[in-house]
């Protein structure tokens, strides 16, 4: 997207151009389609609840199963050989997994010496980030710290925070822009709890090597066998210890986490269980299938109405609000059993989601939008007071509501307004805005998905700018009805990922407030809850991982294209080279790294977002080498690192093999 506000261009070859008409409510299915519709509703990630059976309830008094509107033309018998990205011993074109992650004796140190990866967990050899030839345009968003002609910032005048901050329309880490790029993986704590800690380590290790910097997972359980909270205020040490390990592993591998406190969809430790604890006693029994994703295809209309009404109590009942606040307080004050860090003091945490994809159904509770918005405001303020170090976000999908009706046409359908969400109003007390995109689940036809994706990204970017908030695209995915088909991954999923990433890269390079993205989801082979690919999972050996890696490498280079602010860097001298001190480190001769604070100063006053356009190099007398480095940074021809450790890191630093030890 250009700074002038031109339309964001997202090209997908098989998608039509032009405006996208949101789909209408699903039509009632004929009797012959009942089995197909029932199967469709039973698939994972049932985020279409308000657009499927709910829409039918709104249209007619009887329960009618919606017709299947999302189809894919699979060529299951057609085999497509994956490109040769490098050796990853013996995986071939397709792998069969038989309990490959069993490793019950794994310790907490994270060592990989005795761990044998299943074929699908092995990343192809894409090469090191240091050798990536990604073409970048250096982003120069305004920081509003104007430097006048002939004036210099003062070295070391700004306190450096170890936590990610919001600086204007950007995330700020190490006193420079930060673009979280990564994945969703709710299975991480399950793996750790079942003794598969090495699989957690390997996922973070591989993500780091590819240039990913962030991941999103749960600070709550979804598994009745591994509950975090067994009853109000009572917590299970095994589940929490597993989360401790996930946090520690992420820290060791340079990955920052977005953590959600509660889930809208799952029963165990989710909203429905909270209401069973804090709300009035049930007058209708809980359906036996409610332990998985919300699936009301077997419920009668009375059960649907009853469950939706109880669900809304989570957002309005004082006892429920108190219980949830106590839960948040417990989590943020937990001391990690692996590394001893208190969660609210751990910079590994990028941000909190209050809830994963909240819904409060308007068709049962008409004042749901007001209740949900008041809940967001109250919980955000409480959490920020309890944990002032970390950013807070809603966790919502991002449907537009009635607070500004001009945005309603951007929703995927009229059903979206029945969810109680209101993107603009719900974001008011958050540190940044979030959006999710599920065109398959939201009943967008295959041929319209490219245009819808274009509209969804642009509308949320424009809306975020209108309220002065940066935007994180924290969930997106592409469903494959035949997830084991290499051809489907290449022809159906890869183009959607490329289009999404292209839009994000363009926005970041043009200094728009689109911060980054996390795809759904990293797939782990194995026999456990969430194991296997599922319709959205991406195995490291899938063709889509090459698309992800190319984007991650580019975003990694964008991150390292801008030096820290000089006000955060110690003045040239012994203090500047102290271990861990923030600096401007560049690769140098002999596989070494050198700290050049003057290069950061030169870039800032001559080329950076705060530079005075009348400033000239002659006004400052910078050393020639420093000025050359600043000029190279300005055209994206050089990388700069905040610490010597980062500069010398193998694979991700200045040199593929790391710095010379001599």
Foldseek 3Di string as FASTA:
>chain_A
DFPVQDFQDFDDPLFDDDFDFFDEQFDFDDPVQVVVLQVVLPAPPLPCVLRFQVSVVVVDVFGGGGGQQADDDDDQVDADFFDQQADQPDCGLFDDDDFQQDDQPDDLPLDCPPRDDDSLQTFHCNFFLLPDPDAAQFAFAFQPPFADFLGFDDFQQDDADCAWADRQLAIAHLQFGDFAAAAEDQCQLVCLLRRSLNSLLSVLQVCLLLQGQEYEYEPADLDPVQGQAPAQPRGDVSSNLSVLSSLVSNVVSNHAYEYEHEEAFACGRHLVVLLCRQPDHDPDDDDPPRSHGDRCPPPTPVVVLVSLVSSLCCLPPPSNLVSLLVSLLCQQQDQRPSPRDRNLRDNSYAAYAHYAAAFRFCVNPVCLLVSNLVSLQVSLVSNCVSRVRHFYEHNHQQQAEDVPVVLNSLDSYPSSRRRSDHQLSSCLSGQAGEHEDDCSSNSNYQNHVSSNLSSNVSSVLVSRVVNSHAYEHEEYFDFDPPVSHLVCCVNRGQSVLLSNLVSLSVCVSSVRSYRYYHYPHAAADRPDVRHDQRRTHDRSPHSSVVVSSSSSSRSSLSRQLAARASNQAHDPDPVRQPAPRWFWWFQDPQQAIDGDSLLNRLLCQDPHNNHDVVHDPVSPPGPPVSNVSSVCSNSSNGGIDGHRCQQQDASRHNHNRGGDPD
